[in-house]
Amino acid sequence: MLQKAENLYPSIQYIRGNLVDSKVFTANSTHLFIMDERTLFMNHIDDMKKIIHNCNKWLKNQGFLITNFFAIYELLKRNKNLY
């Protein structure tokens, strides 16, 4: 998937890493994260929380985390301890 993105949009810098690992980026180092719902759905609820926490840590002041949720009820069904 990363290779396809690099081929389609070669001017964008891509970084392969695990978003659960807080050392992938340094704090306050980026203005924008874009992820689709699979980035969260393919992780356990504890890891989802870590990913969101880490993105917040890595974002510069007034940065953006952009994601989409087409199947929010599926997320809730799969992670009953979310609420």
Protein backbone atom coordinates (compact mmCIF):
# COMPACT_ATOMS: atom_id res chain seq x y z
CA MET A 1 0.00 0.00 0.00
CA LEU A 2 2.84 2.37 0.83
CA GLN A 3 4.51 1.61 -2.51
CA LYS A 4 1.28 2.43 -4.35
CA ALA A 5 0.99 5.77 -2.54
CA GLU A 6 4.61 6.60 -3.34
CA ASN A 7 3.99 5.82 -7.02
CA LEU A 8 0.80 7.91 -7.15
CA TYR A 9 2.13 10.87 -5.15
CA PRO A 10 5.93 10.90 -5.39
CA SER A 11 6.31 14.45 -4.03
CA ILE A 12 5.02 13.45 -0.58
CA GLN A 13 7.42 12.16 2.08
CA TYR A 14 6.26 8.80 3.46
CA ILE A 15 7.52 7.16 6.64
CA ARG A 16 7.02 3.47 7.38
CA GLY A 17 6.49 2.89 11.09
CA ASN A 18 4.24 1.66 13.86
CA LEU A 19 2.04 4.46 15.20
CA VAL A 20 1.78 2.66 18.54
CA ASP A 21 5.52 3.29 19.01
CA SER A 22 5.87 6.77 20.48
CA LYS A 23 9.41 7.09 19.06
CA VAL A 24 8.41 7.04 15.37
CA PHE A 25 8.36 10.87 15.32
CA THR A 26 9.65 13.52 17.67
CA ALA A 27 7.19 15.65 19.63
CA ASN A 28 5.74 18.69 17.85
CA SER A 29 7.31 17.64 14.56
CA THR A 30 4.47 17.63 12.01
CA HIS A 31 1.44 19.67 11.01
CA LEU A 32 -0.69 16.88 9.60
CA PHE A 33 -1.55 13.20 9.96
CA ILE A 34 -3.95 11.58 7.53
CA MET A 35 -5.19 8.07 8.25
CA ASP A 36 -8.12 5.98 7.16
CA GLU A 37 -10.37 4.03 9.51
CA ARG A 38 -8.38 0.82 8.97
CA THR A 39 -5.46 2.37 10.82
CA LEU A 40 -7.59 2.27 13.94
CA PHE A 41 -9.86 -0.74 13.20
CA MET A 42 -6.89 -3.08 12.78
CA ASN A 43 -5.73 -2.37 16.31
CA HIS A 44 -6.97 -3.25 19.79
CA ILE A 45 -8.72 -0.44 21.66
CA ASP A 46 -5.65 0.13 23.87
CA ASP A 47 -3.49 0.58 20.79
CA MET A 48 -6.09 2.88 19.23
CA LYS A 49 -5.80 5.12 22.26
CA LYS A 50 -1.98 5.05 21.99
CA ILE A 51 -2.13 5.95 18.30
CA ILE A 52 -4.38 8.95 18.94
CA HIS A 53 -2.29 10.01 21.94
CA ASN A 54 0.92 9.72 19.92
CA CYS A 55 -0.49 11.69 17.00
CA ASN A 56 -1.48 14.44 19.41
CA LYS A 57 2.04 14.41 20.85
CA TRP A 58 3.67 14.56 17.41
CA LEU A 59 1.46 17.30 16.00
CA LYS A 60 2.63 20.88 16.12
CA ASN A 61 0.43 23.48 17.77
CA GLN A 62 -2.76 23.82 15.70
CA GLY A 63 -1.86 20.72 13.66
CA PHE A 64 -4.50 18.37 12.24
CA LEU A 65 -5.30 14.69 12.57
CA ILE A 66 -7.59 13.78 9.69
CA THR A 67 -9.39 10.46 9.68
CA ASN A 68 -12.69 9.09 8.49
CA PHE A 69 -15.16 6.74 10.12
CA PHE A 70 -17.48 5.06 7.67
CA ALA A 71 -18.37 2.29 10.06
CA ILE A 72 -18.46 3.82 13.53
CA TYR A 73 -20.96 1.21 14.70
CA GLU A 74 -18.62 -1.56 13.58
CA LEU A 75 -15.90 0.05 15.67
CA LEU A 76 -18.21 0.12 18.68
CA LYS A 77 -19.30 -3.51 18.17
CA ARG A 78 -15.72 -4.74 17.88
CA ASN A 79 -14.58 -2.78 20.92
CA LYS A 80 -17.32 -2.99 23.51
CA ASN A 81 -15.03 -1.56 26.19
CA LEU A 82 -14.78 1.70 24.21
CA TYR A 83 -17.75 3.19 26.05
